[in-house]
């Protein structure tokens, strides 16, 4: 007998296209509701009256500003990783391990050289 959920042939729940479609639709719904709530807040509270610059009054400016900041941070991180990361090293040198790992993934315990 196998335990519940241990069948390797069983698909993950995210593999079902209907589930993915529902998740995408839910994301669109949440984004739309968030945009609507933001616009209601913007016009109901006159928050745009306290802007320091004219472009701060544009509807959706905070979202656009945040998205652009996110993009800059991501691409900056990629560039920084290339700048400060170590070069790829060949851990095993010329001799890669020959022994295949056992079921527990630990190998046979002799160091992997096939000696």
N, C-alpha and C. Protein backbone atom coordinates (compact mmCIF):
# COMPACT_ATOMS: atom_id res chain seq x y z
N UNK A 1 0.83 -1.18 0.00
CA UNK A 1 0.00 0.00 0.00
C UNK A 1 0.88 1.25 0.00
N UNK A 2 0.50 2.20 -0.74
CA UNK A 2 1.25 3.44 -0.76
C UNK A 2 0.50 4.51 0.02
N UNK A 3 1.27 5.42 0.58
CA UNK A 3 0.66 6.51 1.34
C UNK A 3 -0.01 7.48 0.38
N UNK A 4 -0.93 8.24 0.91
CA UNK A 4 -1.65 9.21 0.08
C UNK A 4 -0.66 10.25 -0.47
N UNK A 5 -0.73 10.48 -1.77
CA UNK A 5 0.12 11.47 -2.40
C UNK A 5 1.50 10.98 -2.76
N UNK A 6 1.80 9.69 -2.56
CA UNK A 6 3.14 9.20 -2.86
C UNK A 6 3.24 8.55 -4.23
N UNK A 7 2.15 8.58 -5.02
CA UNK A 7 2.17 7.98 -6.35
C UNK A 7 2.96 8.88 -7.29
N UNK A 8 4.12 8.41 -7.82
CA UNK A 8 4.93 9.28 -8.67
C UNK A 8 4.28 9.60 -10.01
N UNK A 9 3.30 8.79 -10.45
CA UNK A 9 2.64 9.05 -11.72
C UNK A 9 1.55 10.11 -11.61
N UNK A 10 1.16 10.43 -10.39
CA UNK A 10 0.09 11.41 -10.19
C UNK A 10 0.62 12.82 -10.48
N UNK A 11 -0.12 13.58 -11.25
CA UNK A 11 0.29 14.93 -11.60
C UNK A 11 0.12 15.87 -10.42
N UNK A 12 0.91 16.91 -10.42
CA UNK A 12 0.80 17.96 -9.43
C UNK A 12 -0.45 18.78 -9.75
N UNK A 13 -1.04 19.39 -8.74
CA UNK A 13 -2.29 20.13 -8.97
C UNK A 13 -2.08 21.34 -9.88
N UNK A 14 -0.86 21.85 -9.97
CA UNK A 14 -0.60 22.98 -10.86
C UNK A 14 -0.38 22.54 -12.30
N UNK A 15 -0.30 21.22 -12.54
CA UNK A 15 -0.17 20.73 -13.91
C UNK A 15 -1.49 20.76 -14.65
N UNK A 16 -2.59 20.90 -13.94
CA UNK A 16 -3.91 20.94 -14.56
C UNK A 16 -4.13 22.31 -15.20
N UNK A 17 -4.38 22.40 -16.50
CA UNK A 17 -4.56 23.69 -17.17
C UNK A 17 -5.73 24.50 -16.59
N UNK A 18 -6.76 23.82 -16.11
CA UNK A 18 -7.89 24.55 -15.53
C UNK A 18 -7.47 25.29 -14.26
N UNK A 19 -6.61 24.68 -13.47
CA UNK A 19 -6.14 25.33 -12.25
C UNK A 19 -5.30 26.55 -12.58
N UNK A 20 -4.44 26.42 -13.57
CA UNK A 20 -3.60 27.55 -13.97
C UNK A 20 -4.46 28.69 -14.51
N UNK A 21 -5.47 28.34 -15.31
CA UNK A 21 -6.36 29.37 -15.85
C UNK A 21 -7.11 30.08 -14.73
N UNK A 22 -7.56 29.34 -13.73
CA UNK A 22 -8.24 29.96 -12.59
C UNK A 22 -7.29 30.89 -11.82
N UNK A 23 -6.05 30.46 -11.66
CA UNK A 23 -5.08 31.29 -10.94
C UNK A 23 -4.80 32.59 -11.70
N UNK A 24 -4.69 32.50 -13.02
CA UNK A 24 -4.45 33.70 -13.83
C UNK A 24 -5.65 34.63 -13.75
N UNK A 25 -6.85 34.08 -13.84
CA UNK A 25 -8.05 34.91 -13.74
C UNK A 25 -8.18 35.56 -12.37
N UNK A 26 -7.84 34.83 -11.32
CA UNK A 26 -7.87 35.39 -9.98
C UNK A 26 -6.86 36.52 -9.84
N UNK A 27 -5.69 36.35 -10.45
CA UNK A 27 -4.68 37.40 -10.42
C UNK A 27 -5.18 38.65 -11.12
N UNK A 28 -5.80 38.48 -12.29
CA UNK A 28 -6.36 39.63 -13.00
C UNK A 28 -7.45 40.31 -12.18
N UNK A 29 -8.29 39.52 -11.53
CA UNK A 29 -9.35 40.09 -10.71
C UNK A 29 -8.78 40.89 -9.55
N UNK A 30 -7.79 40.35 -8.86
CA UNK A 30 -7.18 41.06 -7.73
C UNK A 30 -6.50 42.34 -8.21
N UNK A 31 -5.81 42.29 -9.35
CA UNK A 31 -5.16 43.49 -9.90
C UNK A 31 -6.20 44.55 -10.27
N UNK A 32 -7.29 44.13 -10.89
CA UNK A 32 -8.34 45.07 -11.26
C UNK A 32 -9.00 45.69 -10.04
N UNK A 33 -9.29 44.89 -9.03
CA UNK A 33 -9.88 45.43 -7.80
C UNK A 33 -8.91 46.39 -7.11
N UNK A 34 -7.63 46.05 -7.12
CA UNK A 34 -6.63 46.93 -6.52
C UNK A 34 -6.54 48.26 -7.26
N UNK A 35 -6.59 48.21 -8.58
CA UNK A 35 -6.56 49.44 -9.37
C UNK A 35 -7.80 50.27 -9.12
N UNK A 36 -8.95 49.63 -9.07
CA UNK A 36 -10.19 50.36 -8.81
C UNK A 36 -10.17 50.99 -7.42
N UNK A 37 -9.71 50.25 -6.42
CA UNK A 37 -9.64 50.80 -5.07
C UNK A 37 -8.66 51.96 -5.01
N UNK A 38 -7.55 51.85 -5.72
CA UNK A 38 -6.58 52.93 -5.75
C UNK A 38 -7.13 54.19 -6.40
N UNK A 39 -7.88 54.02 -7.49
CA UNK A 39 -8.47 55.19 -8.15
C UNK A 39 -9.54 55.83 -7.28
N UNK A 40 -10.36 55.01 -6.62
CA UNK A 40 -11.38 55.56 -5.71
C UNK A 40 -10.71 56.33 -4.59
N UNK A 41 -9.66 55.74 -4.00
CA UNK A 41 -8.94 56.42 -2.93
C UNK A 41 -8.33 57.72 -3.43
N UNK A 42 -7.75 57.68 -4.63
CA UNK A 42 -7.09 58.86 -5.18
C UNK A 42 -8.06 60.02 -5.36
N UNK A 43 -9.22 59.74 -5.94
CA UNK A 43 -10.16 60.82 -6.22
C UNK A 43 -11.04 61.16 -5.03
N UNK A 44 -11.30 60.23 -4.14
CA UNK A 44 -12.15 60.50 -3.00
C UNK A 44 -11.42 61.28 -1.91
N UNK A 45 -10.13 61.06 -1.78
CA UNK A 45 -9.39 61.72 -0.70
C UNK A 45 -8.59 62.92 -1.19
N UNK A 46 -8.59 63.16 -2.46
CA UNK A 46 -7.82 64.26 -3.05
C UNK A 46 -6.34 64.15 -2.68
N UNK A 47 -5.83 62.92 -2.69
CA UNK A 47 -4.43 62.68 -2.36
C UNK A 47 -3.51 63.35 -3.36
N UNK A 48 -3.99 63.58 -4.57
CA UNK A 48 -3.16 64.20 -5.60
C UNK A 48 -2.90 65.68 -5.30
N UNK A 49 -3.63 66.28 -4.36
CA UNK A 49 -3.41 67.68 -4.03
C UNK A 49 -2.09 67.89 -3.31
N UNK A 50 -1.51 66.85 -2.72
CA UNK A 50 -0.29 66.96 -1.94
C UNK A 50 0.94 66.53 -2.71
N UNK A 51 0.83 66.40 -4.00
CA UNK A 51 1.97 65.97 -4.81
C UNK A 51 2.98 67.11 -4.92
N UNK A 52 4.26 66.78 -4.93
CA UNK A 52 5.31 67.78 -5.07
C UNK A 52 5.59 68.10 -6.53
N UNK A 53 5.40 67.11 -7.39
CA UNK A 53 5.67 67.29 -8.81
C UNK A 53 4.41 66.95 -9.59
N UNK A 54 4.29 67.48 -10.79
CA UNK A 54 3.10 67.28 -11.59
C UNK A 54 2.86 65.82 -11.98
N UNK A 55 3.94 65.08 -12.27
CA UNK A 55 3.76 63.69 -12.70
C UNK A 55 3.28 62.80 -11.56
N UNK A 56 3.41 63.25 -10.31
CA UNK A 56 2.90 62.46 -9.19
C UNK A 56 1.38 62.42 -9.16
N UNK A 57 0.76 63.31 -9.91
CA UNK A 57 -0.71 63.35 -9.95
C UNK A 57 -1.29 62.37 -10.97
N UNK A 58 -0.45 61.81 -11.82
CA UNK A 58 -0.93 60.87 -12.83
C UNK A 58 -1.52 59.63 -12.17
N UNK A 59 -2.69 59.21 -12.61
CA UNK A 59 -3.22 57.94 -12.08
C UNK A 59 -2.31 56.77 -12.46
N UNK A 60 -1.99 55.95 -11.50
CA UNK A 60 -1.13 54.80 -11.74
C UNK A 60 0.35 55.10 -11.64
N UNK A 61 0.71 56.33 -11.34
CA UNK A 61 2.13 56.67 -11.24
C UNK A 61 2.86 55.86 -10.17
N UNK A 62 2.29 55.71 -8.96
CA UNK A 62 3.02 54.92 -7.95
C UNK A 62 3.26 53.47 -8.40
N UNK A 63 2.29 52.88 -9.10
CA UNK A 63 2.46 51.51 -9.58
C UNK A 63 3.55 51.45 -10.64
N UNK A 64 3.55 52.39 -11.56
CA UNK A 64 4.57 52.43 -12.60
C UNK A 64 5.95 52.67 -12.00
N UNK A 65 6.03 53.58 -11.06
CA UNK A 65 7.29 53.89 -10.39
C UNK A 65 7.82 52.65 -9.66
N UNK A 66 6.96 51.96 -8.95
CA UNK A 66 7.35 50.75 -8.24
C UNK A 66 7.81 49.66 -9.18
N UNK A 67 7.09 49.48 -10.29
CA UNK A 67 7.47 48.46 -11.26
C UNK A 67 8.83 48.76 -11.87
N UNK A 68 9.05 50.02 -12.24
CA UNK A 68 10.35 50.38 -12.82
C UNK A 68 11.48 50.20 -11.81
N UNK A 69 11.22 50.53 -10.54
CA UNK A 69 12.23 50.32 -9.50
C UNK A 69 12.54 48.83 -9.36
N UNK A 70 11.51 48.00 -9.42
CA UNK A 70 11.70 46.55 -9.34
C UNK A 70 12.56 46.06 -10.50
N UNK A 71 12.28 46.52 -11.70
CA UNK A 71 13.06 46.10 -12.88
C UNK A 71 14.51 46.53 -12.74
N UNK A 72 14.73 47.74 -12.25
CA UNK A 72 16.11 48.23 -12.07
C UNK A 72 16.84 47.39 -11.03
N UNK A 73 16.17 47.03 -9.94
CA UNK A 73 16.81 46.22 -8.90
C UNK A 73 17.15 44.83 -9.44
N UNK A 74 16.24 44.23 -10.20
CA UNK A 74 16.50 42.89 -10.74
C UNK A 74 17.67 42.90 -11.70
N UNK A 75 17.65 43.80 -12.68
CA UNK A 75 18.74 43.85 -13.64
C UNK A 75 20.05 44.33 -13.00
N UNK A 76 19.96 45.19 -12.00
CA UNK A 76 21.15 45.58 -11.26
C UNK A 76 21.76 44.40 -10.52
N UNK A 77 20.91 43.54 -9.96
CA UNK A 77 21.39 42.34 -9.27
C UNK A 77 22.06 41.38 -10.23
N UNK A 78 21.51 41.25 -11.42
CA UNK A 78 22.13 40.38 -12.43
C UNK A 78 23.52 40.91 -12.81
N UNK A 79 23.61 42.22 -13.02
CA UNK A 79 24.91 42.81 -13.37
C UNK A 79 25.89 42.69 -12.21
N UNK A 80 25.41 42.89 -10.99
CA UNK A 80 26.28 42.78 -9.82
C UNK A 80 26.76 41.35 -9.62
N UNK A 81 25.88 40.38 -9.88
CA UNK A 81 26.29 38.99 -9.75
C UNK A 81 27.43 38.67 -10.72
N UNK A 82 27.33 39.17 -11.94
CA UNK A 82 28.40 38.94 -12.92
C UNK A 82 29.70 39.61 -12.48
N UNK A 83 29.58 40.71 -11.77
CA UNK A 83 30.76 41.46 -11.35
C UNK A 83 31.46 40.82 -10.16
N UNK A 84 30.72 40.31 -9.20
CA UNK A 84 31.34 39.85 -7.95
C UNK A 84 31.35 38.34 -7.76
N UNK A 85 30.71 37.56 -8.62
CA UNK A 85 30.67 36.12 -8.40
C UNK A 85 31.99 35.47 -8.82
N UNK A 86 32.24 34.33 -8.20
CA UNK A 86 33.44 33.57 -8.53
C UNK A 86 33.24 32.88 -9.88
N UNK A 87 34.33 32.64 -10.58
CA UNK A 87 34.19 31.89 -11.84
C UNK A 87 33.80 30.44 -11.53
N UNK A 88 33.15 29.81 -12.48
CA UNK A 88 32.76 28.42 -12.30
C UNK A 88 34.01 27.57 -12.10
N UNK A 89 33.94 26.68 -11.11
CA UNK A 89 35.06 25.82 -10.83
C UNK A 89 34.64 24.38 -11.06
N UNK A 90 35.59 23.58 -11.48
CA UNK A 90 35.33 22.16 -11.64
C UNK A 90 35.65 21.50 -10.32
N UNK A 91 34.63 21.17 -9.56
CA UNK A 91 34.80 20.67 -8.21
C UNK A 91 35.61 19.39 -8.16
N UNK A 92 35.39 18.50 -9.12
CA UNK A 92 36.04 17.21 -9.09
C UNK A 92 37.35 17.17 -9.87
N UNK A 93 37.69 18.20 -10.55
CA UNK A 93 38.90 18.20 -11.35
C UNK A 93 38.72 17.32 -12.57
N UNK A 94 39.76 16.54 -12.89
CA UNK A 94 39.69 15.66 -14.05
C UNK A 94 38.93 14.37 -13.76
N UNK A 95 38.74 14.05 -12.48
CA UNK A 95 38.15 12.77 -12.12
C UNK A 95 36.77 12.97 -11.51
N UNK A 96 35.74 12.71 -12.25
CA UNK A 96 34.38 12.80 -11.76
C UNK A 96 34.03 11.50 -11.03
N UNK A 97 33.08 11.54 -10.10
CA UNK A 97 32.70 10.31 -9.40
C UNK A 97 32.11 9.30 -10.36
N UNK A 98 32.47 8.04 -10.15
CA UNK A 98 32.04 6.97 -11.03
C UNK A 98 30.86 6.23 -10.43
N UNK A 99 30.82 6.11 -9.12
CA UNK A 99 29.79 5.33 -8.45
C UNK A 99 28.45 6.06 -8.50
N UNK A 100 27.39 5.40 -9.00
CA UNK A 100 26.07 6.04 -8.98
C UNK A 100 25.54 6.10 -7.56
N UNK A 101 24.77 7.11 -7.23
CA UNK A 101 24.23 7.20 -5.88
C UNK A 101 23.21 6.09 -5.62
N UNK A 102 23.10 5.71 -4.36
CA UNK A 102 22.13 4.70 -3.96
C UNK A 102 20.77 5.36 -3.79
N UNK A 103 19.79 4.60 -3.35
CA UNK A 103 18.43 5.14 -3.21
C UNK A 103 18.38 6.32 -2.26
N UNK A 104 19.21 6.31 -1.21
CA UNK A 104 19.18 7.41 -0.26
C UNK A 104 19.97 8.63 -0.76
N UNK A 105 20.60 8.51 -1.94
CA UNK A 105 21.30 9.63 -2.55
C UNK A 105 22.68 9.86 -1.98
N UNK A 106 23.19 8.95 -1.13
CA UNK A 106 24.46 9.18 -0.48
C UNK A 106 25.62 8.42 -1.12
N UNK A 107 25.35 7.63 -2.12
CA UNK A 107 26.41 6.83 -2.74
C UNK A 107 26.75 5.65 -1.87
N UNK A 108 27.90 5.02 -2.15
CA UNK A 108 28.25 3.85 -1.35
C UNK A 108 29.21 4.17 -0.22
N UNK A 109 29.56 5.43 -0.06
CA UNK A 109 30.34 5.86 1.08
C UNK A 109 31.83 5.75 0.93
N UNK A 110 32.34 5.40 -0.26
CA UNK A 110 33.79 5.25 -0.40
C UNK A 110 34.45 6.47 -1.02
N UNK A 111 33.71 7.55 -1.20
CA UNK A 111 34.31 8.75 -1.74
C UNK A 111 34.08 8.98 -3.21
N UNK A 112 33.50 8.01 -3.90
CA UNK A 112 33.10 8.21 -5.28
C UNK A 112 34.18 8.06 -6.30
N UNK A 113 35.30 7.50 -5.97
CA UNK A 113 36.37 7.39 -6.94
C UNK A 113 36.41 6.06 -7.67
N UNK A 114 35.68 5.09 -7.19
CA UNK A 114 35.72 3.78 -7.83
C UNK A 114 37.00 3.03 -7.52
N UNK A 115 37.71 3.44 -6.47
CA UNK A 115 38.98 2.80 -6.11
C UNK A 115 38.78 1.44 -5.54
